[in-house]
């Protein structure tokens, strides 16, 4: 597959409610040959979404990641 992001990874993050879907999506993107940087969360335990999405968004803003999910 042609990598539309170039060499920069895709940032992905979620809170506990999205953990399962985030994991499935990240795995699917990796199977397609894309580089994925997972900012968490790493479980279904309750967490606050901003604690995880903000670092992902900042990585995109700094150009360290091509896109964010």
C-alpha atoms as a PDB file:
ATOM      1  CA  UNK A   1       0.000   0.000   0.000  1.00  0.00           C
ATOM      2  CA  UNK A   2       1.223   3.501  -0.796  1.00  0.00           C
ATOM      3  CA  UNK A   3       1.813   5.395   2.468  1.00  0.00           C
ATOM      4  CA  UNK A   4      -0.143   8.685   2.187  1.00  0.00           C
ATOM      5  CA  UNK A   5       1.525  10.025   5.324  1.00  0.00           C
ATOM      6  CA  UNK A   6       5.099   9.813   4.040  1.00  0.00           C
ATOM      7  CA  UNK A   7       7.393   8.699   6.841  1.00  0.00           C
ATOM      8  CA  UNK A   8       5.567  10.445   9.706  1.00  0.00           C
ATOM      9  CA  UNK A   9       3.408   8.196  11.885  1.00  0.00           C
ATOM     10  CA  UNK A  10      -0.297   8.544  12.509  1.00  0.00           C
ATOM     11  CA  UNK A  11      -1.136   9.572  16.084  1.00  0.00           C
ATOM     12  CA  UNK A  12      -3.973   7.693  17.748  1.00  0.00           C
ATOM     13  CA  UNK A  13      -5.517   8.194  21.186  1.00  0.00           C
ATOM     14  CA  UNK A  14      -8.733   7.525  23.059  1.00  0.00           C
ATOM     15  CA  UNK A  15     -10.288   7.382  26.462  1.00  0.00           C
ATOM     16  CA  UNK A  16     -11.512   4.185  28.100  1.00  0.00           C
ATOM     17  CA  UNK A  17     -14.762   4.160  26.121  1.00  0.00           C
ATOM     18  CA  UNK A  18     -12.864   4.034  22.819  1.00  0.00           C
ATOM     19  CA  UNK A  19     -10.059   1.721  23.892  1.00  0.00           C
ATOM     20  CA  UNK A  20     -11.319  -1.411  22.113  1.00  0.00           C
ATOM     21  CA  UNK A  21     -12.024   0.386  18.828  1.00  0.00           C
ATOM     22  CA  UNK A  22      -8.709   2.274  19.007  1.00  0.00           C
ATOM     23  CA  UNK A  23      -6.865  -1.015  19.385  1.00  0.00           C
ATOM     24  CA  UNK A  24      -8.664  -2.591  16.407  1.00  0.00           C
ATOM     25  CA  UNK A  25      -8.091   0.497  14.256  1.00  0.00           C
ATOM     26  CA  UNK A  26      -4.398   0.811  15.159  1.00  0.00           C
ATOM     27  CA  UNK A  27      -3.835  -2.860  14.356  1.00  0.00           C
ATOM     28  CA  UNK A  28      -5.623  -2.496  11.005  1.00  0.00           C
ATOM     29  CA  UNK A  29      -3.531   0.544  10.078  1.00  0.00           C
ATOM     30  CA  UNK A  30      -0.332  -1.311  10.969  1.00  0.00           C
ATOM     31  CA  UNK A  31      -1.394  -4.293   8.833  1.00  0.00           C
ATOM     32  CA  UNK A  32      -1.735  -1.822   5.958  1.00  0.00           C
ATOM     33  CA  UNK A  33       1.900  -0.875   6.462  1.00  0.00           C
ATOM     34  CA  UNK A  34       1.321   2.443   8.210  1.00  0.00           C
ATOM     35  CA  UNK A  35       3.330   3.615  11.204  1.00  0.00           C
ATOM     36  CA  UNK A  36       1.044   4.283  14.176  1.00  0.00           C
ATOM     37  CA  UNK A  37       2.038   6.065  17.383  1.00  0.00           C
ATOM     38  CA  UNK A  38      -0.385   5.103  20.140  1.00  0.00           C
ATOM     39  CA  UNK A  39      -0.789   7.776  22.820  1.00  0.00           C
ATOM     40  CA  UNK A  40      -3.085   5.621  24.967  1.00  0.00           C
ATOM     41  CA  UNK A  41      -5.060   4.795  26.915  1.00  0.00           C
ATOM     42  CA  UNK A  42      -3.840   1.250  27.348  1.00  0.00           C
ATOM     43  CA  UNK A  43      -6.878  -0.259  29.055  1.00  0.00           C
ATOM     44  CA  UNK A  44     -10.624   0.066  29.559  1.00  0.00           C
ATOM     45  CA  UNK A  45     -10.106   1.535  33.036  1.00  0.00           C
ATOM     46  CA  UNK A  46     -11.769   4.974  33.375  1.00  0.00           C
ATOM     47  CA  UNK A  47      -9.538   7.879  32.306  1.00  0.00           C
ATOM     48  CA  UNK A  48      -9.949  11.467  31.126  1.00  0.00           C
ATOM     49  CA  UNK A  49      -9.874  11.890  27.335  1.00  0.00           C
ATOM     50  CA  UNK A  50      -7.850  15.169  27.363  1.00  0.00           C
ATOM     51  CA  UNK A  51      -4.948  13.435  29.123  1.00  0.00           C
ATOM     52  CA  UNK A  52      -4.429  11.306  26.009  1.00  0.00           C
ATOM     53  CA  UNK A  53      -5.676  13.330  23.069  1.00  0.00           C
ATOM     54  CA  UNK A  54      -3.726  16.481  23.922  1.00  0.00           C
ATOM     55  CA  UNK A  55      -0.279  14.856  23.542  1.00  0.00           C
ATOM     56  CA  UNK A  56      -1.460  13.268  20.286  1.00  0.00           C
ATOM     57  CA  UNK A  57      -2.715  16.609  18.957  1.00  0.00           C
ATOM     58  CA  UNK A  58       0.479  18.356  20.011  1.00  0.00           C
ATOM     59  CA  UNK A  59       2.559  15.734  18.162  1.00  0.00           C
ATOM     60  CA  UNK A  60       0.560  16.476  15.006  1.00  0.00           C
ATOM     61  CA  UNK A  61       0.944  20.235  15.523  1.00  0.00           C
ATOM     62  CA  UNK A  62       4.723  19.843  15.901  1.00  0.00           C
ATOM     63  CA  UNK A  63       4.906  17.772  12.726  1.00  0.00           C
ATOM     64  CA  UNK A  64       6.019  14.617  14.563  1.00  0.00           C
ATOM     65  CA  UNK A  65       2.891  12.817  13.334  1.00  0.00           C
ATOM     66  CA  UNK A  66       1.205  13.306   9.983  1.00  0.00           C
ATOM     67  CA  UNK A  67      -2.367  12.977  11.197  1.00  0.00           C
ATOM     68  CA  UNK A  68      -4.297  12.217  14.337  1.00  0.00           C
ATOM     69  CA  UNK A  69      -7.182   9.917  15.143  1.00  0.00           C
END
